[in-house]
Protein backbone atom coordinates (compact mmCIF):
# COMPACT_ATOMS: atom_id res chain seq x y z
CA MET A 1 -15.39 -25.83 13.81
CA ASP A 2 -15.67 -25.25 10.07
CA THR A 3 -12.27 -23.94 8.96
CA PRO A 4 -13.18 -23.23 5.30
CA ALA A 5 -16.07 -21.01 6.42
CA LEU A 6 -13.76 -19.11 8.74
CA GLY A 7 -11.34 -18.62 5.87
CA THR A 8 -14.13 -17.35 3.66
CA GLU A 9 -15.32 -14.90 6.31
CA ALA A 10 -11.78 -13.65 6.88
CA MET A 11 -11.27 -13.11 3.15
CA GLU A 12 -14.58 -11.27 2.83
CA ASP A 13 -13.63 -9.05 5.78
CA LEU A 14 -10.22 -8.36 4.26
CA ASP A 15 -11.77 -7.65 0.86
CA ALA A 16 -14.13 -5.11 2.45
CA ARG A 17 -11.16 -3.27 4.01
CA ILE A 18 -8.89 -3.08 0.96
CA THR A 19 -9.21 -0.80 -2.04
CA GLU A 20 -7.97 -2.10 -5.36
CA VAL A 21 -6.11 0.55 -7.35
CA LEU A 22 -6.02 0.23 -11.11
CA LEU A 23 -2.67 0.72 -12.80
CA THR A 24 -3.73 3.75 -14.80
CA ARG A 25 -1.43 5.97 -16.84
CA GLU A 26 -1.48 8.47 -13.95
CA VAL A 27 -0.39 5.87 -11.39
CA ARG A 28 2.25 4.53 -13.76
CA ASP A 29 3.65 7.99 -14.43
CA ALA A 30 3.63 8.86 -10.71
CA ALA A 31 5.58 5.66 -9.99
CA ALA A 32 8.47 7.08 -11.99
CA VAL A 33 8.98 10.05 -9.66
CA PRO A 34 8.55 9.24 -5.93
CA ALA A 35 11.29 10.35 -3.56
CA GLY A 36 13.86 7.69 -2.79
CA ARG A 37 15.16 4.74 -4.74
CA LEU A 38 12.51 2.09 -5.05
CA GLY A 39 12.12 -0.94 -7.23
CA THR A 40 9.37 -0.87 -9.82
CA LEU A 41 6.70 -2.69 -7.80
CA ASP A 42 7.38 -0.70 -4.63
CA ALA A 43 7.17 2.56 -6.62
CA ILE A 44 3.84 1.44 -8.11
CA HIS A 45 2.52 0.66 -4.61
CA VAL A 46 3.51 4.11 -3.33
CA ALA A 47 2.07 5.81 -6.43
CA GLY A 48 -1.19 3.90 -5.98
CA ALA A 49 -1.33 5.00 -2.34
CA LEU A 50 -0.68 8.59 -3.41
CA SER A 51 -3.63 8.39 -5.80
CA LEU A 52 -5.82 7.63 -2.76
CA ARG A 53 -4.09 10.12 -0.47
CA ASP A 54 -7.25 11.81 0.85
CA ASP A 55 -9.07 8.52 1.45
CA LEU A 56 -6.10 6.43 2.59
CA THR A 57 -5.93 5.36 6.21
CA ALA A 58 -2.38 4.01 5.91
CA LEU A 59 0.03 2.21 3.62
CA VAL A 60 1.28 -0.97 5.28
CA THR A 61 4.57 -2.48 4.16
CA HIS A 62 7.38 -4.74 5.30
CA ASP A 63 9.92 -2.87 3.17
CA ARG A 64 12.01 -0.19 4.86
CA GLY A 65 12.61 1.73 1.60
CA MET A 66 8.91 1.84 0.76
CA LEU A 67 8.13 2.95 4.31
CA LYS A 68 10.66 5.78 4.13
CA THR A 69 9.50 6.91 0.69
CA ALA A 70 5.80 6.80 1.59
CA ARG A 71 6.45 8.91 4.67
CA ALA A 72 8.62 11.33 2.65
CA GLU A 73 5.65 11.73 0.30
CA GLY A 74 3.46 12.64 3.27
CA LEU A 75 1.56 9.35 3.54
CA SER A 76 0.67 7.66 6.79
CA ALA A 77 2.73 4.47 6.56
CA HIS A 78 3.34 1.60 8.96
CA ALA A 79 5.61 -1.43 8.99
CA PRO A 80 4.37 -3.98 11.55
CA GLY A 81 7.23 -5.44 13.56
CA MET A 82 9.78 -2.98 12.19
CA ALA A 83 11.34 -0.36 14.46
CA ASP A 84 10.80 3.22 13.31
């Protein structure tokens, strides 16, 4: 079995499923106002997800605060392994 090839295929599959969001002025400004108390990077993640709201399947996080804020903003959000 060729492990590097499997890794390459997995990364290509992942890349095809993820949308990269540019840190535009609009995303930056939106990061300053989401509901809840988030750190800077979490707020930027939620703001980026909000910029994709209509095309977003779900925001996935392992942070309870980001999960709560994303849901408060009306986003579909999931935290694998974390109880709701």
